[in-house]
Structure formats: structure tokens, C-alpha cells
Amino acid sequence: QLVESGGGFVQPGGSLRLSCHASGFAFSAINMNWIRQPPGKELEWVAGIGPNGRTWYISSVQGRFTISRDNAKNSLYLELDDLKVTDTARYYCALPGVGWPDRGQGTQVTVSS
């Protein structure tokens, strides 16, 4: 099970910190991901982190978003800084898989002035 939290409404340039608590699988051994779905668009991979902390980002968020994990707490995080209107989306944490079938319910991030 994956449960996200931390979304909200923020003005452009603002920040948010998303959290995801995982249970029911060996969290510490698995690559974890944040994905998002903007209004009316397809799911989009945003960032990933390996078991040892290596990270990857889509180019549009590189330098603005930071993914991290706490294996002792079975938790995944995404720090979102310098938010843009185009970052508005529902954000999900997800296990690897085609079409991202193993993901949580998501948390909404809305960026607007």
C-alpha cells in the first residue's frame, strides 16, 4: 500500500513537500518513483530513487525538485521548490511497472496566482 500526503495550493515560486508511506512490501530494496498526471494529460514520470539513494529526474524538474527516502520509516519524499503553473498535477508515488499499476491514490498540487 502507498499513501501520499502533502499536496496543496501554492503560488508560483512556492514550495511543497510531498510524503508517501509504504507498507506491505520490501520498500528498502526497490526503486521508488514519483509520477504525476496534469489535468487532461497522461501520467508522467517525474523522479526516481534507488535503494542506495541514487536519483533521477525528468529534465523539466531538475534543480527544482528533490526526491529522497527514509528506508527506516518506509517513506518516500518529494521536495518541490520554485513551483510553476505547469507543475499543477496529481502526484503519485509508484513502484516500477509499465503503466504504473502499483501507485497510491495521489495528492493534488495546484500552482496558481
Protein backbone atom coordinates (compact mmCIF):
# COMPACT_ATOMS: atom_id res chain seq x y z
CA GLN A 1 0.00 0.00 0.00
CA LEU A 2 1.15 3.50 -0.84
CA VAL A 3 -0.34 6.59 0.82
CA GLU A 4 0.62 10.08 -0.33
CA SER A 5 0.19 13.36 1.53
CA GLY A 6 1.39 16.94 1.48
CA GLY A 7 -0.23 18.40 -1.61
CA GLY A 8 -2.00 21.75 -1.67
CA PHE A 9 -2.47 25.11 -3.31
CA VAL A 10 0.58 27.30 -3.79
CA GLN A 11 1.54 30.39 -5.76
CA PRO A 12 4.21 30.26 -8.48
CA GLY A 13 7.65 30.19 -6.90
CA GLY A 14 6.38 28.47 -3.80
CA SER A 15 7.34 25.14 -2.25
CA LEU A 16 5.70 21.96 -1.04
CA ARG A 17 6.92 18.68 0.43
CA LEU A 18 5.13 15.51 -0.54
CA SER A 19 5.34 12.33 1.50
CA CYS A 20 4.49 8.72 0.72
CA HIS A 21 4.26 5.97 3.30
CA ALA A 22 4.70 2.44 2.02
CA SER A 23 3.66 -0.87 3.52
CA GLY A 24 3.27 -4.48 2.51
CA PHE A 25 6.46 -4.93 0.52
CA ALA A 26 10.25 -4.68 0.89
CA PHE A 27 10.42 -0.91 0.46
CA SER A 28 14.15 -0.62 1.13
CA ALA A 29 15.04 -2.96 -1.74
CA ILE A 30 13.04 -1.30 -4.52
CA ASN A 31 13.48 1.67 -6.85
CA MET A 32 10.74 4.14 -5.95
CA ASN A 33 9.22 6.82 -8.15
CA TRP A 34 7.11 9.92 -8.17
CA ILE A 35 4.81 10.32 -11.14
CA ARG A 36 2.18 12.95 -11.91
CA GLN A 37 -0.89 13.48 -14.04
CA PRO A 38 -1.62 17.04 -15.14
CA PRO A 39 -5.26 17.91 -15.86
CA GLY A 40 -6.36 16.25 -19.10
CA LYS A 41 -2.98 14.65 -19.74
CA GLU A 42 -1.28 11.29 -19.41
CA LEU A 43 0.73 10.05 -16.44
CA GLU A 44 4.27 11.41 -16.49
CA TRP A 45 7.31 10.08 -14.64
CA VAL A 46 8.90 12.83 -12.54
CA ALA A 47 11.69 11.37 -10.41
CA GLY A 48 13.12 8.09 -9.16
CA ILE A 49 15.43 6.92 -6.39
CA GLY A 50 17.29 3.66 -5.99
CA PRO A 51 17.66 1.66 -2.78
CA ASN A 52 21.06 3.23 -2.21
CA GLY A 53 19.84 6.78 -2.80
CA ARG A 54 20.85 7.33 -6.41
CA THR A 55 18.36 9.73 -8.01
CA TRP A 56 16.97 10.52 -11.46
CA TYR A 57 14.76 13.39 -12.64
CA ILE A 58 12.83 14.46 -15.69
CA SER A 59 14.62 17.47 -17.18
CA SER A 60 11.76 19.89 -16.51
CA VAL A 61 12.11 19.48 -12.72
CA GLN A 62 15.89 19.02 -12.46
CA GLY A 63 17.23 21.53 -9.94
CA ARG A 64 13.77 22.34 -8.55
CA PHE A 65 12.55 19.02 -7.16
CA THR A 66 14.41 16.70 -4.76
CA ILE A 67 13.46 13.08 -4.20
CA SER A 68 14.57 11.30 -1.05
CA ARG A 69 13.73 8.25 1.01
CA ASP A 70 13.93 7.06 4.59
CA ASN A 71 14.11 3.28 4.50
CA ALA A 72 13.80 3.01 8.28
CA LYS A 73 10.41 4.74 8.05
CA ASN A 74 9.31 3.11 4.77
CA SER A 75 8.82 6.62 3.45
CA LEU A 76 9.44 8.44 0.20
CA TYR A 77 9.54 12.22 -0.17
CA LEU A 78 9.50 14.83 -2.90
CA GLU A 79 10.55 18.39 -2.16
CA LEU A 80 9.06 20.74 -4.75
CA ASP A 81 10.70 24.18 -4.97
CA ASP A 82 10.24 27.09 -7.39
CA LEU A 83 6.91 25.66 -8.43
CA LYS A 84 5.45 26.63 -11.79
CA VAL A 85 1.88 26.64 -13.07
CA THR A 86 2.87 23.75 -15.34
CA ASP A 87 3.65 21.63 -12.25
CA THR A 88 -0.07 21.51 -11.43
CA ALA A 89 -0.98 17.82 -11.32
CA ARG A 90 -1.98 14.92 -9.13
CA TYR A 91 1.22 13.41 -7.78
CA TYR A 92 1.60 9.71 -7.03
CA CYS A 93 4.32 7.55 -5.57
CA ALA A 94 4.72 4.36 -7.53
CA LEU A 95 6.60 1.11 -7.85
CA PRO A 96 8.25 0.37 -11.18
CA GLY A 97 5.94 -1.09 -13.81
CA VAL A 98 4.53 -0.44 -17.26
CA GLY A 99 1.64 1.97 -16.86
CA TRP A 100 2.48 2.39 -13.17
CA PRO A 101 -0.20 -0.01 -11.89
CA ASP A 102 1.16 -0.03 -8.32
CA ARG A 103 0.64 3.50 -7.15
CA GLY A 104 -1.20 5.29 -4.38
CA GLN A 105 -4.31 7.46 -4.54
CA GLY A 106 -2.24 10.55 -5.11
CA THR A 107 -2.11 14.05 -3.71
CA GLN A 108 -3.14 17.16 -5.63
CA VAL A 109 -0.69 20.00 -6.24
CA THR A 110 -2.18 23.19 -7.66
CA VAL A 111 0.08 26.10 -8.61
CA SER A 112 -1.75 29.32 -9.42
CA SER A 113 -1.56 33.03 -8.82
